[in-house]
Amino acid sequence: MIVVAIDGPSGVGKSTVGKALAAKLGVPYLDTGAMYRAVGLLARRHGVPLPIPDPGRVGELADGCEVRVTGSGPDTRTILDGEDVSEEIRQPEISLYASAVAAIPRVRRRLAARQREMALASGGVLEGRDIGTKVVPEATAKFFLTARPEVRARRRFEELARKGTPQDLGTVEAEMAARDEADSTRADSPLAFDETYAVVDTSDLGAEEIAEKLRGLVLAREAG
């Protein structure tokens, strides 16, 4: 069974590459980041402000909800308590909520356990910020994607424009920097990688090119 961990900050192409790689390998794509976005959306719906003043309240919300990711590739959907929230969780504000709720240990434990369960049951490609360090450390292959800051900001800027929620580039850069800081400095499972990862700079590569490169590395690892 193949389990691939793809970690890295926002804007490096984790989701696009992960979906393409899953299709090439013929395994499910498990969008773990969407699960944190869903809990962030739930917190916002319940009137929880940023910065989060009561982590315990958000932990209760996470424990009391059902979050699932279904499908693979372009058909991936995120279901929150039976509601398809796949589009709503991609709003810019929810990116900040995702980082905020991900810093709460109780939330991380709840979702990480579910993510690990899904990965070990069916295999698949998982992407996030602590997949290979905490969620599935025994993954077949682990990749840490990086890209130059200006490339990451431009990608996010263009993504938001395509989705009809445009922001000016300066705002995108500031929000990305804030999320990087939050993800890298949180006490529980910060964004990081170690010697078990292959580091791939995606700045000057297309998603298909990266996915094909990773596919070769995965198959080489699988072959022993």
Protein backbone atom coordinates (compact mmCIF):
# COMPACT_ATOMS: atom_id res chain seq x y z
CA MET A 1 0.00 0.00 0.00
CA ILE A 2 1.37 3.40 -1.01
CA VAL A 3 1.10 6.37 1.36
CA VAL A 4 2.73 9.62 0.24
CA ALA A 5 3.22 12.64 2.51
CA ILE A 6 3.54 16.07 0.91
CA ASP A 7 4.28 18.90 3.33
CA GLY A 8 5.14 22.55 2.86
CA PRO A 9 3.84 26.10 3.27
CA SER A 10 0.97 27.63 1.30
CA GLY A 11 1.51 28.58 -2.32
CA VAL A 12 3.99 25.85 -3.22
CA GLY A 13 1.48 23.78 -5.16
CA LYS A 14 0.81 20.99 -2.65
CA SER A 15 -2.85 20.50 -3.59
CA THR A 16 -2.36 20.66 -7.35
CA VAL A 17 0.67 18.40 -7.27
CA GLY A 18 -0.93 16.05 -4.76
CA LYS A 19 -4.03 15.53 -6.90
CA ALA A 20 -1.94 14.95 -10.02
CA LEU A 21 0.36 12.53 -8.21
CA ALA A 22 -2.57 10.56 -6.77
CA ALA A 23 -4.02 10.19 -10.27
CA LYS A 24 -0.68 8.99 -11.64
CA LEU A 25 -0.28 6.44 -8.84
CA GLY A 26 -3.92 5.34 -8.91
CA VAL A 27 -4.46 6.04 -5.19
CA PRO A 28 -6.86 8.34 -3.30
CA TYR A 29 -6.07 12.00 -2.70
CA LEU A 30 -6.78 12.91 0.94
CA ASP A 31 -7.02 16.69 1.34
CA THR A 32 -6.07 17.05 4.99
CA GLY A 33 -5.75 20.83 4.81
CA ALA A 34 -9.40 21.04 3.82
CA MET A 35 -10.30 19.38 7.12
CA TYR A 36 -8.66 22.20 9.09
CA ARG A 37 -10.36 24.73 6.85
CA ALA A 38 -13.69 23.08 7.61
CA VAL A 39 -13.15 23.39 11.36
CA GLY A 40 -12.06 27.00 10.81
CA LEU A 41 -15.27 27.64 8.88
CA LEU A 42 -17.28 26.07 11.69
CA ALA A 43 -15.54 28.32 14.23
CA ARG A 44 -16.34 31.41 12.19
CA ARG A 45 -19.96 30.34 11.80
CA HIS A 46 -20.18 30.10 15.59
CA GLY A 47 -18.90 33.65 15.96
CA VAL A 48 -15.38 32.81 17.11
CA PRO A 49 -13.15 35.81 16.27
CA LEU A 50 -9.50 35.98 15.27
CA PRO A 51 -7.23 35.74 17.16
CA ILE A 52 -9.09 32.88 18.84
CA PRO A 53 -9.77 33.86 22.49
CA ASP A 54 -11.09 30.47 23.65
CA PRO A 55 -9.26 27.45 22.17
CA GLY A 56 -11.31 25.14 24.37
CA ARG A 57 -14.49 26.22 22.61
CA VAL A 58 -12.99 25.45 19.21
CA GLY A 59 -11.79 22.08 20.51
CA GLU A 60 -15.37 21.31 21.54
CA LEU A 61 -16.60 22.26 18.07
CA ALA A 62 -14.00 19.98 16.46
CA ASP A 63 -14.91 17.07 18.73
CA GLY A 64 -18.61 17.54 17.99
CA CYS A 65 -18.46 17.75 14.19
CA GLU A 66 -17.95 15.25 11.40
CA VAL A 67 -15.47 16.25 8.70
CA ARG A 68 -14.87 14.04 5.67
CA VAL A 69 -12.99 14.35 2.41
CA THR A 70 -14.31 12.27 -0.45
CA GLY A 71 -13.34 11.54 -4.02
CA SER A 72 -10.03 12.13 -5.71
CA GLY A 73 -8.49 14.51 -8.22
CA PRO A 74 -10.93 17.17 -9.45
CA ASP A 75 -13.81 15.37 -7.73
CA THR A 76 -12.47 15.89 -4.20
CA ARG A 77 -15.15 17.28 -1.90
CA THR A 78 -15.12 18.40 1.74
CA ILE A 79 -18.16 17.49 3.82
CA LEU A 80 -18.88 19.20 7.16
CA ASP A 81 -21.73 17.63 9.13
CA GLY A 82 -23.31 16.41 5.90
CA GLU A 83 -22.90 19.75 4.05
CA ASP A 84 -20.63 20.19 1.05
CA VAL A 85 -18.42 23.16 1.98
CA SER A 86 -15.77 22.59 -0.70
CA GLU A 87 -16.11 26.09 -2.15
CA GLU A 88 -16.80 28.03 1.04
CA ILE A 89 -13.63 26.85 2.78
CA ARG A 90 -11.48 28.40 0.03
CA GLN A 91 -12.36 31.95 1.02
CA PRO A 92 -9.26 34.00 1.97
CA GLU A 93 -10.41 34.55 5.55
CA ILE A 94 -10.73 30.80 6.09
CA SER A 95 -7.02 30.38 5.33
CA LEU A 96 -6.28 32.41 8.47
CA TYR A 97 -8.85 30.47 10.46
CA ALA A 98 -7.27 27.21 9.27
CA SER A 99 -3.89 28.20 10.69
CA ALA A 100 -5.48 29.41 13.91
CA VAL A 101 -7.43 26.22 14.60
CA ALA A 102 -4.49 24.06 13.50
CA ALA A 103 -2.46 25.56 16.36
CA ILE A 104 -4.90 24.11 18.91
CA PRO A 105 -3.58 20.72 20.13
CA ARG A 106 -7.06 19.32 20.75
CA VAL A 107 -8.08 20.07 17.17
CA ARG A 108 -4.88 18.62 15.76
CA ARG A 109 -5.27 15.40 17.73
CA ARG A 110 -8.87 15.01 16.57
CA LEU A 111 -8.14 15.56 12.89
CA ALA A 112 -4.75 13.87 12.76
CA ALA A 113 -6.27 10.67 14.14
CA ARG A 114 -8.93 10.75 11.43
CA GLN A 115 -6.35 11.47 8.72
CA ARG A 116 -4.12 8.62 9.85
CA GLU A 117 -7.09 6.27 9.91
CA MET A 118 -8.00 7.15 6.32
CA ALA A 119 -4.40 6.83 5.09
CA LEU A 120 -3.76 3.45 6.65
CA ALA A 121 -7.13 2.10 5.52
CA SER A 122 -6.80 2.91 1.82
CA GLY A 123 -3.37 4.41 1.15
CA GLY A 124 -3.19 7.66 -0.74
CA VAL A 125 -1.50 11.00 -1.15
CA LEU A 126 -1.86 13.36 1.82
CA GLU A 127 -0.70 16.95 1.87
CA GLY A 128 -0.43 19.41 4.71
CA ARG A 129 2.14 20.70 7.15
CA ASP A 130 2.89 17.78 9.45
CA ILE A 131 1.84 14.71 7.46
CA GLY A 132 5.24 13.04 7.39
CA THR A 133 6.39 14.21 10.81
CA LYS A 134 3.27 13.47 12.86
CA VAL A 135 0.32 11.99 10.97
CA VAL A 136 1.94 9.17 8.97
CA PRO A 137 5.67 9.16 9.78
CA GLU A 138 6.00 5.70 8.22
CA ALA A 139 4.81 6.95 4.80
CA THR A 140 6.25 5.25 1.72
CA ALA A 141 7.71 8.58 0.59
CA LYS A 142 7.83 12.09 2.07
CA PHE A 143 8.24 15.32 0.14
CA PHE A 144 8.67 18.89 1.36
CA LEU A 145 7.74 21.41 -1.34
CA THR A 146 9.18 24.91 -1.35
CA ALA A 147 9.10 27.93 -3.67
CA ARG A 148 10.41 31.47 -3.69
CA PRO A 149 8.18 33.85 -1.67
CA GLU A 150 7.26 36.00 -4.67
CA VAL A 151 6.28 32.91 -6.67
CA ARG A 152 4.09 31.65 -3.86
CA ALA A 153 2.31 34.99 -3.47
CA ARG A 154 1.72 35.29 -7.21
CA ARG A 155 0.25 31.78 -7.36
CA ARG A 156 -2.13 32.53 -4.50
CA PHE A 157 -3.06 35.88 -6.05
CA GLU A 158 -3.94 34.19 -9.35
CA GLU A 159 -5.84 31.38 -7.61
CA LEU A 160 -8.06 33.86 -5.77
CA ALA A 161 -8.72 35.78 -8.98
CA ARG A 162 -9.77 32.58 -10.77
CA LYS A 163 -12.17 31.73 -7.96
CA GLY A 164 -13.83 35.15 -8.06
CA THR A 165 -12.46 36.33 -4.70
CA PRO A 166 -9.61 38.64 -5.81
CA GLN A 167 -7.29 40.42 -3.40
CA ASP A 168 -4.50 42.83 -4.13
CA LEU A 169 -1.04 41.29 -4.22
CA GLY A 170 0.16 43.16 -1.14
CA THR A 171 -2.66 41.76 0.97
CA VAL A 172 -1.95 38.26 -0.30
CA GLU A 173 1.73 38.60 0.59
CA ALA A 174 0.92 39.88 4.10
CA GLU A 175 -1.60 37.10 4.81
CA MET A 176 0.80 34.48 3.52
CA ALA A 177 3.58 35.79 5.76
CA ALA A 178 1.22 35.74 8.75
CA ARG A 179 0.19 32.17 8.03
CA ASP A 180 3.81 31.07 7.59
CA GLU A 181 4.66 32.58 10.96
CA ALA A 182 1.72 30.88 12.65
CA ASP A 183 2.40 27.50 11.06
CA SER A 184 6.13 27.53 11.78
CA THR A 185 6.00 28.71 15.39
CA ARG A 186 3.02 26.85 16.82
CA ALA A 187 3.92 24.64 19.77
CA ASP A 188 2.08 21.57 18.51
CA SER A 189 3.33 19.97 15.26
CA PRO A 190 4.88 23.03 13.58
CA LEU A 191 5.64 23.14 9.87
CA ALA A 192 8.97 21.35 9.55
CA PHE A 193 10.86 18.58 7.77
CA ASP A 194 13.76 16.28 8.54
CA GLU A 195 16.28 14.04 6.79
CA THR A 196 13.58 11.54 5.81
CA TYR A 197 12.13 14.03 3.31
CA ALA A 198 13.08 14.84 -0.26
CA VAL A 199 12.95 18.63 -0.67
CA VAL A 200 11.61 19.88 -4.01
CA ASP A 201 11.66 23.52 -5.14
CA THR A 202 8.59 24.11 -7.31
CA SER A 203 9.37 27.72 -8.29
CA ASP A 204 10.22 27.01 -11.92
CA LEU A 205 8.34 23.77 -12.53
CA GLY A 206 4.79 23.01 -13.67
CA ALA A 207 2.48 20.83 -11.60
CA GLU A 208 2.53 17.92 -14.06
CA GLU A 209 6.31 18.03 -14.26
CA ILE A 210 6.61 17.98 -10.47
CA ALA A 211 4.04 15.18 -10.13
CA GLU A 212 5.89 13.04 -12.66
CA LYS A 213 9.17 13.63 -10.83
CA LEU A 214 7.58 12.62 -7.52
CA ARG A 215 5.95 9.58 -9.12
CA GLY A 216 9.37 8.28 -10.15
CA LEU A 217 10.73 8.81 -6.64
CA VAL A 218 7.73 7.08 -5.05
CA LEU A 219 8.01 4.04 -7.29
CA ALA A 220 11.73 3.83 -6.60
CA ARG A 221 11.04 3.87 -2.84
CA GLU A 222 8.28 1.29 -3.23
CA ALA A 223 10.63 -0.99 -5.14
CA GLY A 224 13.04 -0.84 -2.25
